[in-house]
Amino acid sequence: MKCSICSKSIETTFLGKMLGTYVKDGKGKLHSICFECQKKFASKEEILKAIK
């Protein structure tokens, strides 16, 4: 799985859960966001603007 902002591969735990989050845009599409990009962009609005 890749980050929607920086296109890096997102790490997973041994149970298969990703170390990041999902953000839903206005159309209802889920975007995966890595932990580093969560630190850079504080709010959901900033994250949605940064998605490619």
PDB file of N, CA and C in Angstrom:
ATOM      1  N   MET A   1       0.844  -1.159   0.000  1.00  0.00           N
ATOM      2  CA  MET A   1       0.000   0.000   0.000  1.00  0.00           C
ATOM      3  C   MET A   1       0.899   1.235   0.000  1.00  0.00           C
ATOM      4  N   LYS A   2       0.501   2.265  -0.758  1.00  0.00           N
ATOM      5  CA  LYS A   2       1.306   3.472  -0.878  1.00  0.00           C
ATOM      6  C   LYS A   2       0.546   4.674  -0.355  1.00  0.00           C
ATOM      7  N   CYS A   3       1.309   5.664   0.120  1.00  0.00           N
ATOM      8  CA  CYS A   3       0.741   6.915   0.619  1.00  0.00           C
ATOM      9  C   CYS A   3       0.196   7.717  -0.561  1.00  0.00           C
ATOM     10  N   SER A   4      -0.957   8.339  -0.390  1.00  0.00           N
ATOM     11  CA  SER A   4      -1.573   9.139  -1.448  1.00  0.00           C
ATOM     12  C   SER A   4      -0.875  10.475  -1.639  1.00  0.00           C
ATOM     13  N   ILE A   5      -0.064  10.901  -0.684  1.00  0.00           N
ATOM     14  CA  ILE A   5       0.611  12.192  -0.780  1.00  0.00           C
ATOM     15  C   ILE A   5       2.037  12.024  -1.309  1.00  0.00           C
ATOM     16  N   CYS A   6       2.850  11.223  -0.622  1.00  0.00           N
ATOM     17  CA  CYS A   6       4.268  11.118  -0.975  1.00  0.00           C
ATOM     18  C   CYS A   6       4.605   9.872  -1.793  1.00  0.00           C
ATOM     19  N   SER A   7       3.678   8.980  -1.991  1.00  0.00           N
ATOM     20  CA  SER A   7       3.833   7.737  -2.767  1.00  0.00           C
ATOM     21  C   SER A   7       4.857   6.766  -2.190  1.00  0.00           C
ATOM     22  N   LYS A   8       5.212   6.917  -0.920  1.00  0.00           N
ATOM     23  CA  LYS A   8       6.083   5.948  -0.257  1.00  0.00           C
ATOM     24  C   LYS A   8       5.262   4.734   0.150  1.00  0.00           C
ATOM     25  N   SER A   9       5.918   3.624   0.294  1.00  0.00           N
ATOM     26  CA  SER A   9       5.265   2.416   0.764  1.00  0.00           C
ATOM     27  C   SER A   9       4.982   2.557   2.263  1.00  0.00           C
ATOM     28  N   ILE A  10       3.773   2.234   2.675  1.00  0.00           N
ATOM     29  CA  ILE A  10       3.376   2.344   4.072  1.00  0.00           C
ATOM     30  C   ILE A  10       3.676   1.028   4.772  1.00  0.00           C
ATOM     31  N   GLU A  11       4.349   1.110   5.910  1.00  0.00           N
ATOM     32  CA  GLU A  11       4.703  -0.082   6.674  1.00  0.00           C
ATOM     33  C   GLU A  11       3.465  -0.695   7.319  1.00  0.00           C
ATOM     34  N   THR A  12       3.536  -1.993   7.585  1.00  0.00           N
ATOM     35  CA  THR A  12       2.448  -2.686   8.254  1.00  0.00           C
ATOM     36  C   THR A  12       2.991  -3.407   9.480  1.00  0.00           C
ATOM     37  N   THR A  13       2.079  -3.709  10.408  1.00  0.00           N
ATOM     38  CA  THR A  13       2.450  -4.480  11.587  1.00  0.00           C
ATOM     39  C   THR A  13       2.453  -5.956  11.219  1.00  0.00           C
ATOM     40  N   PHE A  14       2.827  -6.789  12.154  1.00  0.00           N
ATOM     41  CA  PHE A  14       2.878  -8.228  11.871  1.00  0.00           C
ATOM     42  C   PHE A  14       1.489  -8.818  11.656  1.00  0.00           C
ATOM     43  N   LEU A  15       0.440  -8.123  12.078  1.00  0.00           N
ATOM     44  CA  LEU A  15      -0.929  -8.594  11.860  1.00  0.00           C
ATOM     45  C   LEU A  15      -1.531  -8.053  10.566  1.00  0.00           C
ATOM     46  N   GLY A  16      -0.770  -7.235   9.833  1.00  0.00           N
ATOM     47  CA  GLY A  16      -1.243  -6.722   8.559  1.00  0.00           C
ATOM     48  C   GLY A  16      -1.910  -5.367   8.633  1.00  0.00           C
ATOM     49  N   LYS A  17      -1.913  -4.744   9.813  1.00  0.00           N
ATOM     50  CA  LYS A  17      -2.500  -3.411   9.944  1.00  0.00           C
ATOM     51  C   LYS A  17      -1.472  -2.379   9.508  1.00  0.00           C
ATOM     52  N   MET A  18      -1.923  -1.331   8.829  1.00  0.00           N
ATOM     53  CA  MET A  18      -0.976  -0.330   8.354  1.00  0.00           C
ATOM     54  C   MET A  18      -0.664   0.704   9.424  1.00  0.00           C
ATOM     55  N   LEU A  19       0.551   1.248   9.377  1.00  0.00           N
ATOM     56  CA  LEU A  19       0.980   2.282  10.308  1.00  0.00           C
ATOM     57  C   LEU A  19       0.698   3.639   9.662  1.00  0.00           C
ATOM     58  N   GLY A  20      -0.527   4.035   9.705  1.00  0.00           N
ATOM     59  CA  GLY A  20      -0.987   5.271   9.088  1.00  0.00           C
ATOM     60  C   GLY A  20      -2.478   5.388   9.304  1.00  0.00           C
ATOM     61  N   THR A  21      -3.140   6.121   8.418  1.00  0.00           N
ATOM     62  CA  THR A  21      -4.575   6.288   8.546  1.00  0.00           C
ATOM     63  C   THR A  21      -5.216   6.390   7.177  1.00  0.00           C
ATOM     64  N   TYR A  22      -6.518   6.327   7.165  1.00  0.00           N
ATOM     65  CA  TYR A  22      -7.294   6.539   5.963  1.00  0.00           C
ATOM     66  C   TYR A  22      -8.035   7.862   6.099  1.00  0.00           C
ATOM     67  N   VAL A  23      -8.144   8.603   4.986  1.00  0.00           N
ATOM     68  CA  VAL A  23      -8.894   9.847   4.950  1.00  0.00           C
ATOM     69  C   VAL A  23      -9.890   9.739   3.813  1.00  0.00           C
ATOM     70  N   LYS A  24     -11.141  10.053   4.095  1.00  0.00           N
ATOM     71  CA  LYS A  24     -12.191   9.989   3.086  1.00  0.00           C
ATOM     72  C   LYS A  24     -12.400  11.384   2.504  1.00  0.00           C
ATOM     73  N   ASP A  25     -12.378  11.493   1.164  1.00  0.00           N
ATOM     74  CA  ASP A  25     -12.592  12.779   0.527  1.00  0.00           C
ATOM     75  C   ASP A  25     -14.085  13.039   0.337  1.00  0.00           C
ATOM     76  N   GLY A  26     -14.425  14.131  -0.318  1.00  0.00           N
ATOM     77  CA  GLY A  26     -15.818  14.524  -0.505  1.00  0.00           C
ATOM     78  C   GLY A  26     -16.627  13.548  -1.341  1.00  0.00           C
ATOM     79  N   LYS A  27     -15.968  12.815  -2.222  1.00  0.00           N
ATOM     80  CA  LYS A  27     -16.647  11.849  -3.082  1.00  0.00           C
ATOM     81  C   LYS A  27     -16.821  10.496  -2.411  1.00  0.00           C
ATOM     82  N   GLY A  28     -16.230  10.325  -1.232  1.00  0.00           N
ATOM     83  CA  GLY A  28     -16.342   9.070  -0.503  1.00  0.00           C
ATOM     84  C   GLY A  28     -15.201   8.099  -0.746  1.00  0.00           C
ATOM     85  N   LYS A  29     -14.184   8.511  -1.498  1.00  0.00           N
ATOM     86  CA  LYS A  29     -13.042   7.646  -1.776  1.00  0.00           C
ATOM     87  C   LYS A  29     -12.067   7.692  -0.607  1.00  0.00           C
ATOM     88  N   LEU A  30     -11.551   6.523  -0.209  1.00  0.00           N
ATOM     89  CA  LEU A  30     -10.582   6.439   0.875  1.00  0.00           C
ATOM     90  C   LEU A  30      -9.163   6.603   0.329  1.00  0.00           C
ATOM     91  N   HIS A  31      -8.369   7.418   1.005  1.00  0.00           N
ATOM     92  CA  HIS A  31      -6.973   7.625   0.669  1.00  0.00           C
ATOM     93  C   HIS A  31      -6.140   7.196   1.865  1.00  0.00           C
ATOM     94  N   SER A  32      -5.073   6.445   1.615  1.00  0.00           N
ATOM     95  CA  SER A  32      -4.182   6.017   2.697  1.00  0.00           C
ATOM     96  C   SER A  32      -3.086   7.062   2.875  1.00  0.00           C
ATOM     97  N   ILE A  33      -2.809   7.413   4.133  1.00  0.00           N
ATOM     98  CA  ILE A  33      -1.828   8.437   4.468  1.00  0.00           C
ATOM     99  C   ILE A  33      -0.811   7.828   5.429  1.00  0.00           C
ATOM    100  N   CYS A  34       0.485   8.034   5.147  1.00  0.00           N
ATOM    101  CA  CYS A  34       1.535   7.488   6.008  1.00  0.00           C
ATOM    102  C   CYS A  34       1.695   8.346   7.264  1.00  0.00           C
ATOM    103  N   PHE A  35       2.425   7.803   8.220  1.00  0.00           N
ATOM    104  CA  PHE A  35       2.624   8.456   9.511  1.00  0.00           C
ATOM    105  C   PHE A  35       3.389   9.769   9.369  1.00  0.00           C
ATOM    106  N   GLU A  36       4.388   9.811   8.466  1.00  0.00           N
ATOM    107  CA  GLU A  36       5.183  11.020   8.279  1.00  0.00           C
ATOM    108  C   GLU A  36       4.343  12.157   7.709  1.00  0.00           C
ATOM    109  N   CYS A  37       3.471  11.863   6.768  1.00  0.00           N
ATOM    110  CA  CYS A  37       2.611  12.898   6.183  1.00  0.00           C
ATOM    111  C   CYS A  37       1.563  13.376   7.188  1.00  0.00           C
ATOM    112  N   GLN A  38       1.166  12.514   8.114  1.00  0.00           N
ATOM    113  CA  GLN A  38       0.250  12.943   9.170  1.00  0.00           C
ATOM    114  C   GLN A  38       0.907  13.993  10.048  1.00  0.00           C
ATOM    115  N   LYS A  39       2.215  13.858  10.288  1.00  0.00           N
ATOM    116  CA  LYS A  39       2.941  14.834  11.093  1.00  0.00           C
ATOM    117  C   LYS A  39       3.049  16.169  10.369  1.00  0.00           C
ATOM    118  N   LYS A  40       3.305  16.123   9.039  1.00  0.00           N
ATOM    119  CA  LYS A  40       3.483  17.344   8.252  1.00  0.00           C
ATOM    120  C   LYS A  40       2.204  18.167   8.177  1.00  0.00           C
ATOM    121  N   PHE A  41       1.086  17.500   7.917  1.00  0.00           N
ATOM    122  CA  PHE A  41      -0.194  18.174   7.726  1.00  0.00           C
ATOM    123  C   PHE A  41      -1.078  17.907   8.929  1.00  0.00           C
ATOM    124  N   ALA A  42      -1.377  18.962   9.686  1.00  0.00           N
ATOM    125  CA  ALA A  42      -2.065  18.808  10.966  1.00  0.00           C
ATOM    126  C   ALA A  42      -3.555  18.491  10.814  1.00  0.00           C
ATOM    127  N   SER A  43      -4.237  19.145   9.889  1.00  0.00           N
ATOM    128  CA  SER A  43      -5.690  18.977   9.807  1.00  0.00           C
ATOM    129  C   SER A  43      -6.096  18.157   8.583  1.00  0.00           C
ATOM    130  N   LYS A  44      -7.325  17.689   8.600  1.00  0.00           N
ATOM    131  CA  LYS A  44      -7.852  16.893   7.495  1.00  0.00           C
ATOM    132  C   LYS A  44      -7.929  17.718   6.216  1.00  0.00           C
ATOM    133  N   GLU A  45      -8.248  19.007   6.328  1.00  0.00           N
ATOM    134  CA  GLU A  45      -8.353  19.872   5.160  1.00  0.00           C
ATOM    135  C   GLU A  45      -7.003  20.027   4.464  1.00  0.00           C
ATOM    136  N   GLU A  46      -5.926  20.171   5.250  1.00  0.00           N
ATOM    137  CA  GLU A  46      -4.583  20.286   4.674  1.00  0.00           C
ATOM    138  C   GLU A  46      -4.182  18.996   3.969  1.00  0.00           C
ATOM    139  N   ILE A  47      -4.547  17.864   4.549  1.00  0.00           N
ATOM    140  CA  ILE A  47      -4.229  16.566   3.942  1.00  0.00           C
ATOM    141  C   ILE A  47      -4.964  16.418   2.615  1.00  0.00           C
ATOM    142  N   LEU A  48      -6.236  16.777   2.579  1.00  0.00           N
ATOM    143  CA  LEU A  48      -7.011  16.641   1.344  1.00  0.00           C
ATOM    144  C   LEU A  48      -6.485  17.559   0.246  1.00  0.00           C
ATOM    145  N   LYS A  49      -5.959  18.732   0.588  1.00  0.00           N
ATOM    146  CA  LYS A  49      -5.366  19.629  -0.407  1.00  0.00           C
ATOM    147  C   LYS A  49      -4.077  19.053  -0.960  1.00  0.00           C
ATOM    148  N   ALA A  50      -3.321  18.313  -0.142  1.00  0.00           N
ATOM    149  CA  ALA A  50      -2.029  17.793  -0.540  1.00  0.00           C
ATOM    150  C   ALA A  50      -2.116  16.488  -1.334  1.00  0.00           C
ATOM    151  N   ILE A  51      -3.260  15.838  -1.350  1.00  0.00           N
ATOM    152  CA  ILE A  51      -3.400  14.559  -2.059  1.00  0.00           C
ATOM    153  C   ILE A  51      -3.259  14.782  -3.556  1.00  0.00           C
ATOM    154  N   LYS A  52      -2.467  13.930  -4.179  1.00  0.00           N
ATOM    155  CA  LYS A  52      -2.212  14.041  -5.626  1.00  0.00           C
ATOM    156  C   LYS A  52      -3.386  13.562  -6.421  1.00  0.00           C
TER     157      LYS A  52
END
